[in-house]
Protein backbone atom coordinates (compact mmCIF):
# COMPACT_ATOMS: atom_id res chain seq x y z
CA MET A 1 189.06 20.04 228.18
CA SER A 2 192.17 22.17 227.98
CA SER A 3 194.31 22.51 224.87
CA ALA A 4 196.34 19.62 226.12
CA ASP A 5 193.23 17.44 226.31
CA SER A 6 191.92 18.21 222.82
CA HIS A 7 192.84 16.62 219.55
CA ALA A 8 195.57 18.26 217.55
CA PRO A 9 194.20 21.23 215.60
CA THR A 10 194.18 21.11 211.84
CA LEU A 11 194.93 23.83 209.33
CA GLU A 12 192.00 25.07 207.27
CA ASN A 13 192.17 26.44 203.73
CA GLY A 14 193.21 30.06 203.80
CA SER A 15 193.79 30.11 207.57
CA SER A 16 196.82 31.87 208.95
CA GLN A 17 196.99 29.57 211.96
CA PRO A 18 195.48 26.28 213.10
CA LEU A 19 192.02 26.19 214.64
CA PRO A 20 190.99 24.07 217.60
CA ARG A 21 188.83 21.07 216.84
CA PHE A 22 185.12 21.84 216.74
CA ALA A 23 183.19 20.29 219.64
CA PHE A 24 180.58 18.74 217.35
CA GLY A 25 179.26 16.25 219.91
CA VAL A 26 178.77 18.98 222.51
CA MET A 27 177.06 21.19 219.92
CA ALA A 28 174.69 18.40 218.90
CA ALA A 29 173.77 17.66 222.52
CA LEU A 30 173.07 21.31 223.36
CA CYS A 31 170.97 21.76 220.22
CA VAL A 32 168.89 18.70 221.06
CA VAL A 33 168.30 20.00 224.59
CA LYS A 34 167.32 23.36 223.14
CA LEU A 35 164.77 21.82 220.77
CA LEU A 36 163.27 19.55 223.40
CA LEU A 37 163.04 22.40 225.89
CA HIS A 38 160.93 24.47 223.50
CA LEU A 39 158.89 21.66 222.00
CA PHE A 40 157.75 20.40 225.40
CA THR A 41 156.99 23.81 226.90
CA SER A 42 155.83 26.28 224.22
CA VAL A 43 152.65 24.51 223.11
CA ARG A 44 151.33 22.73 226.21
CA HIS A 45 149.60 25.46 228.21
CA TYR A 46 149.33 28.43 225.87
CA GLY A 47 148.07 29.43 222.44
CA TYR A 48 148.94 31.59 219.46
CA PHE A 49 150.75 34.82 220.30
CA ARG A 50 149.10 38.00 218.96
CA ASP A 51 151.93 38.66 216.47
CA GLU A 52 151.86 35.06 215.27
CA LEU A 53 148.23 35.55 214.21
CA TYR A 54 149.35 38.63 212.26
CA TYR A 55 152.23 36.77 210.59
CA LEU A 56 149.85 34.02 209.48
CA ASP A 57 147.73 36.69 207.79
CA MET A 58 150.91 38.01 206.15
CA ALA A 59 151.63 34.49 204.91
CA ARG A 60 148.21 34.53 203.21
CA HIS A 61 149.21 37.82 201.52
CA LEU A 62 152.86 37.29 200.56
CA ASP A 63 154.51 40.50 199.46
CA TRP A 64 157.92 42.20 199.34
CA GLY A 65 157.10 44.36 202.34
CA TYR A 66 154.70 45.20 205.14
CA VAL A 67 153.98 48.30 207.21
CA ASP A 68 155.81 47.05 210.29
CA ALA A 69 157.91 44.13 209.08
CA ALA A 70 160.35 43.05 206.42
CA PRO A 71 159.11 40.21 204.16
CA LEU A 72 160.93 37.13 205.49
CA VAL A 73 158.73 36.71 208.57
CA ALA A 74 155.80 36.03 206.23
CA VAL A 75 157.89 33.35 204.53
CA TYR A 76 158.54 31.65 207.88
CA ALA A 77 154.80 31.73 208.58
CA LYS A 78 154.08 30.39 205.09
CA VAL A 79 156.32 27.41 205.83
CA ALA A 80 154.29 26.82 208.99
CA LEU A 81 151.06 26.94 206.97
CA LEU A 82 152.48 24.41 204.53
CA LEU A 83 153.23 22.20 207.54
CA GLY A 84 149.60 22.44 208.62
CA GLY A 85 149.55 25.78 210.43
CA SER A 86 149.29 24.22 213.89
CA LEU A 87 150.89 25.85 216.90
CA GLY A 88 153.55 23.14 216.91
CA ALA A 89 154.32 23.68 213.23
CA LEU A 90 154.65 27.41 213.88
CA ARG A 91 156.93 27.10 216.87
CA ILE A 92 159.33 24.43 215.64
CA ILE A 93 160.69 27.09 213.28
CA PRO A 94 162.03 29.56 215.93
CA ALA A 95 163.22 26.60 218.03
CA LEU A 96 165.35 25.45 215.09
CA ALA A 97 166.67 29.00 214.70
CA GLY A 98 167.64 28.99 218.39
CA ALA A 99 169.46 25.68 217.97
CA GLY A 100 171.29 27.17 215.00
CA LEU A 101 172.38 30.12 217.14
CA ILE A 102 173.98 27.76 219.66
CA ALA A 103 175.99 26.12 216.88
CA LEU A 104 176.98 29.45 215.35
CA THR A 105 178.09 30.92 218.69
CA MET A 106 180.25 27.87 219.32
CA LEU A 107 181.78 28.29 215.84
CA ILE A 108 182.61 31.91 216.66
CA ALA A 109 184.25 30.81 219.92
CA ARG A 110 186.32 28.32 217.95
CA GLU A 111 187.27 30.99 215.39
CA LEU A 112 188.44 33.16 218.29
CA GLY A 113 190.79 30.34 219.33
CA GLY A 114 188.48 28.72 221.88
CA GLU A 115 189.10 25.08 222.72
CA ARG A 116 186.29 22.61 223.32
CA TYR A 117 185.54 23.88 226.83
CA ALA A 118 185.23 27.47 225.61
CA GLN A 119 182.85 26.27 222.91
CA LEU A 120 180.85 24.38 225.53
CA LEU A 121 180.59 27.39 227.86
CA ALA A 122 179.54 29.66 224.99
CA GLY A 123 176.86 27.18 223.92
CA VAL A 124 175.54 26.76 227.46
CA ALA A 125 175.26 30.55 227.82
CA ILE A 126 173.09 30.76 224.70
CA LEU A 127 171.05 27.72 225.74
CA LEU A 128 170.21 29.14 229.18
CA GLY A 129 170.18 32.89 228.52
CA PRO A 130 166.62 34.06 229.38
CA ALA A 131 166.55 36.51 226.48
CA PHE A 132 167.23 33.80 223.93
CA LEU A 133 164.80 31.36 225.51
CA VAL A 134 161.97 33.90 225.29
CA MET A 135 162.82 34.92 221.70
CA ASP A 136 162.83 31.32 220.51
CA ASN A 137 159.50 30.41 222.15
CA PHE A 138 157.34 31.83 219.38
CA LEU A 139 157.58 32.78 215.73
CA SER A 140 158.94 36.22 214.97
CA MET A 141 161.78 37.83 213.06
CA ASN A 142 163.57 38.26 216.41
CA ALA A 143 164.38 34.54 216.58
CA PHE A 144 166.24 34.78 213.26
CA GLU A 145 167.92 38.16 213.72
CA PRO A 146 170.83 36.78 215.81
CA LEU A 147 171.53 34.17 213.13
CA PHE A 148 172.08 36.80 210.45
CA TRP A 149 174.08 39.08 212.74
CA MET A 150 176.25 36.33 214.15
CA GLY A 151 176.77 34.99 210.64
CA ASP A 152 178.21 38.42 209.87
CA ILE A 153 180.32 38.30 213.03
CA TRP A 154 181.66 34.86 212.10
CA VAL A 155 182.71 36.33 208.73
CA ILE A 156 184.37 39.31 210.45
CA VAL A 157 186.24 37.12 212.94
CA ARG A 158 187.43 34.91 210.12
CA PHE A 159 188.58 37.99 208.20
CA LEU A 160 190.39 39.32 211.26
CA ARG A 161 192.10 35.96 211.67
CA THR A 162 193.04 35.34 208.03
CA GLY A 163 193.15 38.81 206.44
CA ASP A 164 191.17 37.49 203.46
CA SER A 165 189.19 40.50 202.19
CA ARG A 166 187.11 38.32 199.86
CA LEU A 167 185.19 37.18 202.93
CA TRP A 168 183.33 40.49 202.84
CA LEU A 169 181.25 39.05 200.00
CA TRP A 170 179.63 36.65 202.47
CA PHE A 171 179.09 39.59 204.82
CA GLY A 172 177.15 41.28 202.02
CA VAL A 173 174.97 38.22 201.43
CA LEU A 174 174.13 37.75 205.11
CA THR A 175 173.50 41.47 205.66
CA GLY A 176 171.17 41.64 202.67
CA LEU A 177 169.19 38.66 203.92
CA GLY A 178 169.23 40.13 207.42
CA LEU A 179 167.65 43.32 206.08
CA GLU A 180 164.90 41.26 204.49
CA ASN A 181 164.38 39.70 207.92
CA LYS A 182 164.34 42.90 210.00
CA HIS A 183 165.24 46.49 209.22
CA SER A 184 167.25 46.89 212.43
CA THR A 185 170.09 45.19 210.56
CA LEU A 186 170.72 48.68 209.17
CA SER A 187 171.73 49.78 212.67
CA PHE A 188 173.94 46.74 213.10
CA GLY A 189 175.63 47.42 209.75
CA PHE A 190 176.15 51.04 210.79
CA ALA A 191 177.83 49.91 214.02
CA VAL A 192 180.16 47.57 212.11
CA THR A 193 181.04 50.35 209.66
CA VAL A 194 181.88 52.83 212.42
CA ALA A 195 183.94 50.20 214.24
CA LEU A 196 185.97 49.50 211.11
CA LEU A 197 186.58 53.22 210.56
CA LEU A 198 187.82 53.59 214.16
CA THR A 199 190.51 50.93 213.67
CA ASP A 200 193.29 50.15 211.23
CA HIS A 201 190.83 48.10 209.25
CA ARG A 202 189.52 51.31 207.69
CA ARG A 203 191.92 50.43 204.88
CA GLU A 204 189.38 47.84 203.75
CA PHE A 205 187.35 50.70 202.31
CA ALA A 206 190.19 51.31 199.85
CA ARG A 207 189.71 47.79 198.46
CA ARG A 208 186.97 46.57 196.17
CA TRP A 209 185.66 43.60 198.15
CA ILE A 210 183.84 45.50 200.88
CA TRP A 211 182.17 47.73 198.29
CA ILE A 212 181.06 44.71 196.27
CA ALA A 213 179.68 43.30 199.52
CA GLY A 214 177.73 46.51 200.03
CA ALA A 215 176.33 46.23 196.52
CA ILE A 216 175.26 42.64 197.18
CA ALA A 217 173.48 43.69 200.39
CA VAL A 218 171.68 46.52 198.58
CA ALA A 219 170.69 44.20 195.73
CA LEU A 220 169.17 41.69 198.17
CA PHE A 221 167.40 44.47 200.07
CA LEU A 222 166.20 46.17 196.89
CA PRO A 223 162.81 44.40 196.55
CA ASN A 224 161.76 45.60 199.99
CA LEU A 225 163.17 49.06 199.32
CA VAL A 226 161.17 49.30 196.08
CA TRP A 227 158.05 48.22 198.00
CA GLN A 228 158.68 50.96 200.56
CA ILE A 229 159.11 53.58 197.82
CA ARG A 230 155.98 52.48 195.97
CA HIS A 231 153.97 52.61 199.22
CA HIS A 232 155.47 55.96 200.35
CA PHE A 233 157.61 54.51 203.18
CA PRO A 234 154.88 53.30 205.55
CA THR A 235 157.45 51.81 207.93
CA ILE A 236 158.94 55.25 208.57
CA GLU A 237 155.46 56.66 209.19
CA ASP A 238 154.71 53.78 211.55
CA LEU A 239 157.89 54.39 213.58
CA ALA A 240 157.18 58.13 213.71
CA ASN A 241 153.68 57.43 215.05
CA VAL A 242 155.11 55.19 217.78
CA ARG A 243 157.48 57.96 218.89
CA ARG A 244 154.85 60.69 218.74
CA GLU A 245 152.28 58.68 220.71
CA GLY A 246 154.84 57.69 223.37
CA LYS A 247 153.86 54.06 222.93
CA ASN A 248 157.09 52.47 224.22
CA VAL A 249 158.48 52.61 227.74
CA VAL A 250 161.53 54.89 227.84
CA LEU A 251 164.20 53.71 230.27
CA SER A 252 166.89 55.79 231.94
CA PRO A 253 170.48 54.81 230.98
CA MET A 254 170.95 52.99 234.28
CA ALA A 255 167.61 51.15 234.01
CA PHE A 256 168.51 50.19 230.44
CA VAL A 257 171.80 48.65 231.59
CA ILE A 258 170.14 46.84 234.48
CA GLU A 259 167.53 45.32 232.17
CA GLN A 260 170.31 44.06 229.89
CA ILE A 261 171.99 42.34 232.84
CA VAL A 262 168.72 40.80 234.02
CA ASP A 263 167.61 39.70 230.55
CA MET A 264 170.94 37.96 229.91
CA HIS A 265 170.87 36.61 233.50
CA PRO A 266 173.15 38.12 236.17
CA ILE A 267 175.11 34.86 236.50
CA LEU A 268 176.23 35.31 232.88
CA LEU A 269 177.39 38.91 233.34
CA PRO A 270 181.03 37.88 233.99
CA VAL A 271 181.00 35.88 230.77
CA TRP A 272 179.80 38.51 228.32
CA LEU A 273 181.47 41.40 230.13
CA SER A 274 184.86 39.68 230.07
CA GLY A 275 184.30 39.07 226.36
CA LEU A 276 183.61 42.77 225.77
CA ILE A 277 186.68 43.86 227.74
CA TRP A 278 188.87 41.35 225.89
CA PHE A 279 187.64 42.55 222.51
CA LEU A 280 188.29 46.20 223.40
CA ARG A 281 191.77 45.50 224.81
CA GLU A 282 193.00 43.17 222.08
CA ARG A 283 193.94 45.09 218.95
CA ARG A 284 193.16 42.05 216.82
CA TRP A 285 189.52 41.84 217.97
CA ARG A 286 188.85 45.51 218.74
CA VAL A 287 186.43 45.84 215.85
CA LEU A 288 184.07 43.46 217.67
CA GLY A 289 184.17 45.39 220.94
CA LEU A 290 183.65 48.70 219.19
CA THR A 291 180.74 47.27 217.21
CA PHE A 292 178.99 46.43 220.47
CA VAL A 293 179.77 49.79 222.07
CA VAL A 294 178.57 51.78 219.05
CA PHE A 295 175.40 49.72 218.77
CA PHE A 296 174.71 49.94 222.52
CA VAL A 297 175.09 53.74 222.50
CA LEU A 298 172.92 54.01 219.40
CA MET A 299 170.11 52.03 221.02
CA GLU A 300 170.33 53.99 224.25
CA VAL A 301 170.24 57.36 222.47
CA ALA A 302 167.33 56.19 220.31
CA HIS A 303 165.48 54.85 223.41
CA GLY A 304 165.31 51.41 221.82
CA LYS A 305 163.50 48.55 223.50
CA ASN A 306 165.61 46.30 225.69
CA TYR A 307 165.40 43.35 223.29
CA TYR A 308 166.89 45.34 220.40
CA LEU A 309 170.33 44.49 221.79
CA PHE A 310 169.79 40.78 222.30
CA PRO A 311 171.06 39.66 218.85
CA ILE A 312 174.52 41.14 219.40
CA TYR A 313 175.34 39.39 222.69
CA PRO A 314 176.30 35.92 221.38
CA MET A 315 179.66 37.19 220.14
CA LEU A 316 180.40 38.51 223.64
CA PHE A 317 179.52 35.15 225.14
CA ALA A 318 181.84 33.47 222.65
CA GLY A 319 184.68 35.84 223.54
CA GLY A 320 184.04 35.62 227.28
CA ALA A 321 184.06 31.82 227.16
CA VAL A 322 187.52 31.93 225.54
CA VAL A 323 188.77 34.37 228.18
CA ILE A 324 187.50 32.23 231.07
CA ASP A 325 188.96 29.02 229.64
CA ARG A 326 192.36 30.63 229.17
CA ALA A 327 192.23 32.20 232.62
CA ILE A 328 191.66 28.78 234.19
CA GLU A 329 194.52 27.33 232.19
CA ARG A 330 196.84 30.17 233.19
CA LEU A 331 195.90 30.32 236.87
CA LEU A 332 195.98 26.57 237.36
CA GLU A 333 198.86 25.89 235.00
CA LYS A 334 200.96 24.24 237.69
CA ARG A 335 198.03 22.26 239.10
CA THR A 336 196.91 18.81 238.06
CA PRO A 337 194.68 18.29 235.00
CA PHE A 338 192.01 16.99 237.36
CA LEU A 339 191.91 20.31 239.24
CA ARG A 340 191.64 22.27 236.00
CA MET A 341 188.82 19.98 234.90
CA ALA A 342 187.10 20.42 238.28
CA ALA A 343 187.29 24.22 237.99
CA ARG A 344 185.80 24.15 234.50
CA THR A 345 183.05 21.76 235.57
CA ALA A 346 182.24 23.91 238.60
CA ILE A 347 181.76 27.01 236.44
CA VAL A 348 179.32 25.26 234.13
CA ALA A 349 177.50 23.73 237.11
CA VAL A 350 177.11 27.13 238.79
CA VAL A 351 175.75 28.64 235.57
CA VAL A 352 173.25 25.81 235.11
CA LEU A 353 172.07 25.80 238.73
CA ALA A 354 171.71 29.58 238.82
CA ALA A 355 169.75 29.58 235.55
CA LEU A 356 167.27 26.88 236.57
CA PRO A 357 164.99 29.14 238.70
CA ALA A 358 164.41 31.39 235.67
CA LEU A 359 163.31 28.57 233.37
CA PRO A 360 159.64 28.56 234.46
CA LEU A 361 159.48 32.28 233.66
CA VAL A 362 160.97 32.08 230.17
CA THR A 363 159.98 28.68 228.77
CA TRP A 364 156.25 28.61 229.58
CA MET A 365 156.47 25.20 231.24
CA LEU A 366 153.91 26.16 233.91
CA PRO A 367 150.18 26.74 233.39
CA PRO A 368 149.10 30.34 234.11
CA GLU A 369 147.79 29.74 237.64
CA ARG A 370 151.01 28.08 238.76
CA LEU A 371 153.09 30.66 236.92
CA LEU A 372 151.41 33.46 238.86
CA VAL A 373 152.11 31.66 242.13
CA TYR A 374 155.73 31.18 241.11
CA GLN A 375 156.13 34.82 240.07
CA ASN A 376 154.80 36.02 243.41
CA ALA A 377 156.90 33.51 245.36
CA ILE A 378 160.16 34.78 243.89
CA GLY A 379 159.06 38.43 243.76
CA PHE A 380 159.25 38.67 239.98
CA LYS A 381 157.49 41.60 238.33
CA PRO A 382 157.28 41.49 234.51
CA ALA A 383 158.89 44.45 232.78
CA LYS A 384 156.72 46.46 230.40
CA ALA A 385 157.92 47.30 226.90
CA GLU A 386 154.86 49.38 226.02
CA VAL A 387 153.24 52.00 228.23
CA HIS A 388 149.56 51.04 228.03
CA HIS A 389 149.84 47.27 228.27
CA GLU A 390 148.39 45.81 231.46
CA SER A 391 148.24 42.12 232.35
CA LEU A 392 148.76 39.68 235.19
CA LEU A 393 151.37 37.77 233.18
CA PRO A 394 154.33 38.94 231.09
CA GLN A 395 153.10 40.33 227.78
CA PRO A 396 154.52 37.51 225.58
CA ILE A 397 152.39 35.10 227.64
CA ALA A 398 149.29 37.23 228.21
CA ASP A 399 149.04 37.91 224.48
CA GLN A 400 148.41 34.20 223.92
CA PHE A 401 145.09 34.18 225.78
CA GLY A 402 141.56 34.88 224.67
CA TRP A 403 141.80 34.56 220.88
CA PRO A 404 139.84 31.30 220.32
CA GLU A 405 137.27 32.45 222.87
CA MET A 406 136.90 35.80 221.11
CA ALA A 407 136.31 34.07 217.78
CA ARG A 408 133.74 31.76 219.38
CA GLU A 409 131.92 34.71 220.92
CA VAL A 410 131.87 36.59 217.61
CA GLY A 411 130.64 33.39 215.99
CA SER A 412 127.75 33.24 218.47
CA ILE A 413 126.75 36.83 217.66
CA TYR A 414 127.03 36.27 213.92
CA ASN A 415 125.15 32.96 213.86
CA SER A 416 122.33 34.33 216.04
CA LEU A 417 121.30 36.58 213.15
CA PRO A 418 118.74 35.58 210.51
CA PRO A 419 120.40 34.38 207.27
CA ASP A 420 119.44 37.48 205.24
CA GLU A 421 120.81 39.79 207.96
CA ARG A 422 123.91 37.63 208.41
CA ALA A 423 124.79 38.09 204.73
CA GLN A 424 124.91 41.87 205.28
CA THR A 425 127.06 41.71 208.43
CA GLY A 426 130.83 42.10 208.48
CA ILE A 427 133.54 41.96 211.15
CA TRP A 428 135.64 45.01 211.96
CA ALA A 429 138.63 44.37 214.25
CA GLY A 430 140.45 47.10 216.14
CA ASN A 431 143.93 45.59 215.77
CA TYR A 432 145.83 42.96 213.86
CA GLY A 433 145.64 40.40 216.68
CA GLU A 434 141.86 40.46 216.70
CA ALA A 435 141.70 40.31 212.90
CA GLY A 436 144.20 37.45 212.83
CA ALA A 437 142.21 35.53 215.45
CA MET A 438 139.00 35.88 213.44
CA ASN A 439 140.76 34.75 210.27
CA LEU A 440 142.38 31.72 211.92
CA PHE A 441 139.61 30.50 214.20
CA GLY A 442 136.59 32.10 212.52
CA PRO A 443 136.07 29.66 209.61
CA GLN A 444 134.99 26.90 212.00
CA TYR A 445 132.11 29.16 213.08
CA GLY A 446 131.25 30.17 209.53
CA LEU A 447 132.60 33.70 210.00
CA PRO A 448 133.48 35.90 207.03
CA ARG A 449 136.95 37.37 206.76
CA ALA A 450 137.66 40.09 209.33
CA TYR A 451 138.84 43.53 208.26
CA SER A 452 140.89 46.10 210.13
CA ARG A 453 142.63 49.36 209.35
CA HIS A 454 145.45 48.47 211.74
CA GLN A 455 148.94 48.02 210.31
CA ASN A 456 149.14 46.02 207.07
CA HIS A 457 145.49 44.93 207.28
CA TRP A 458 144.66 48.35 205.85
CA TYR A 459 146.27 47.31 202.56
CA TRP A 460 144.16 44.13 202.50
CA GLY A 461 140.89 46.06 202.54
CA PRO A 462 138.34 47.45 202.11
CA PRO A 463 135.71 44.70 202.22
CA PRO A 464 134.24 43.74 198.84
CA GLN A 465 130.76 44.90 199.87
CA VAL A 466 129.14 47.67 201.88
CA TYR A 467 127.90 46.03 205.07
CA LYS A 468 124.66 47.12 206.65
CA ASN A 469 125.76 45.79 210.06
CA LEU A 470 129.17 45.31 211.67
CA ILE A 471 130.40 43.28 214.59
CA VAL A 472 133.03 45.65 215.98
CA ILE A 473 135.86 44.75 218.35
CA GLN A 474 137.67 47.30 220.53
CA TRP A 475 135.45 50.22 219.67
CA SER A 476 134.66 52.76 222.36
CA LEU A 477 131.08 53.33 223.41
CA ASP A 478 131.28 56.85 221.98
CA ASP A 479 132.36 55.47 218.59
CA VAL A 480 129.47 53.02 218.62
CA ARG A 481 126.91 55.68 219.51
CA GLU A 482 128.24 57.97 216.79
CA ASN A 483 128.39 55.39 213.98
CA CYS A 484 125.53 52.96 214.69
CA THR A 485 121.80 53.57 214.45
CA SER A 486 121.34 50.93 217.15
CA PHE A 487 123.63 48.45 218.84
CA GLN A 488 123.93 45.56 221.27
CA ALA A 489 126.90 45.02 223.61
CA TYR A 490 128.48 41.62 224.34
CA GLU A 491 131.00 41.34 227.14
CA HIS A 492 134.39 39.75 226.56
CA TYR A 493 136.79 38.99 229.41
CA GLU A 494 139.86 36.80 229.70
CA ARG A 495 141.56 36.90 233.09
CA PHE A 496 145.02 36.03 231.82
CA GLY A 497 144.84 38.07 228.60
CA MET A 498 145.85 41.63 227.85
CA GLY A 499 143.79 44.29 229.59
CA GLU A 500 143.01 46.27 226.44
CA GLU A 501 141.17 43.26 224.99
CA ASN A 502 138.83 42.96 227.98
CA GLY A 503 136.06 45.15 226.74
CA PRO A 504 132.64 44.69 225.15
CA MET A 505 132.15 43.78 221.51
CA TYR A 506 129.21 45.38 219.72
CA LEU A 507 126.73 44.40 217.07
CA CYS A 508 126.44 47.69 215.22
CA ARG A 509 123.16 47.83 213.25
CA ASP A 510 122.45 50.12 210.29
CA VAL A 511 125.96 51.55 210.05
CA LYS A 512 125.94 55.27 209.32
CA PHE A 513 128.97 55.28 207.01
CA ASP A 514 130.06 53.63 203.79
CA ILE A 515 133.01 51.49 204.81
CA GLN A 516 134.48 51.50 201.31
CA LYS A 517 134.38 55.29 201.01
CA ILE A 518 136.04 56.02 204.36
CA TRP A 519 138.61 53.21 204.13
CA TRP A 520 141.27 55.02 202.13
CA HIS A 521 140.98 58.23 204.11
CA SER A 522 142.40 56.80 207.33
CA HIS A 523 144.62 54.05 208.59
CA HIS A 524 145.89 53.07 212.02
CA TRP A 525 149.66 52.54 212.04
CA ASN A 526 151.44 52.38 215.40
């Protein structure tokens, strides 16, 4: 699959030099494998992830903003609801986004001058990278973030190759949409800006196109910005609460680097690292290398979570794949084509074989009992992103357990009450996962809508009536004794779920407060 083996490249409109032929067949095959991998593993043994339950509630309350999310994630969830709202309907959406990322990464490799083998290697890296497999298992804005960022990178690479400043307009469109997907795109845009200023491309700021692009991005982001202003910037308050409460695990610089290597898979380190070195050494592509460095330093200084960096890696894999392909061609230039082909095949085979043992950990193909056995057999210990989370399984898996059972148990409590008492009983959930579970699974048990002051649920309250009784979830015994005239406790336990959910639920009788009066005096954002 060397340059000699490929079809003759063709000139594209506005290009300064010919591009290699796009490996469309390879791309299609990898995307199909990606989709099948997720469709046959993400819905068999597990259920709705906590955040997915929250996003479905957002989809029922479409708005231009939310306390802890930009608006597009609610649109994705709304599409899933229109498709029936099943777990499969929900999870086909991130799987499609992951397939799109494979195609986009291969396009970036091609734009960097990569022949068909480089495109293949880049696509395989995205297909098998543990970080991307986990992100694309369930619905969240994280599955779409790399698409917007790598769309921007494709535009930048094309600009660097052609010198066409009008391409910045597309950068503005993608950045604006990326901001409506997740606010961290601001940090990515900052890294790109600094990288441009550190190179000769700072002259672009003396031209109109990049400023028009900035105006386009602001215009697309404006609805969410107006929402934030009208609601007194709840997202900033939420982030400040997270920092003040020490909610997230803070890693040392070395631990942060090690987690990046593990999450991308150690076998792929030579690929993305060679891409980074090539970008930094080559004047033509230096903007890309500096963008990564600036963003990496920013995340480390800000004590960002390990997955905040995941969306920026595909460009490094694209660059590294080009470097490796050219190195094989150069080192084996005087050897036979068969030997060069064998070397390329061996590299892909090693990557695939090394990645296979991680698949049961990141694709959810095993039921929980077998997954625990497998984890222990290979000595794998799930990393924690948040300080207080405790579970037998990695959090993305553990947070899929216990929700239907919790709704059934609340239904049993609610339906055990006499009809007149039932009409005066509401459901108060401690967090958005519990509220989302009640709202998704509760109707089959005749449950009323659940209310919570956690995150954006606070804006969707208070309840329309003052309840005499409340079924409360995740209240402490002290809270119950203080706020209830009398109460009954009902145990809830799910072995594979999150530890904080394994506590009693209470039927709180003759509540001592007016829920509507206290609602607006407090909210729980963290």
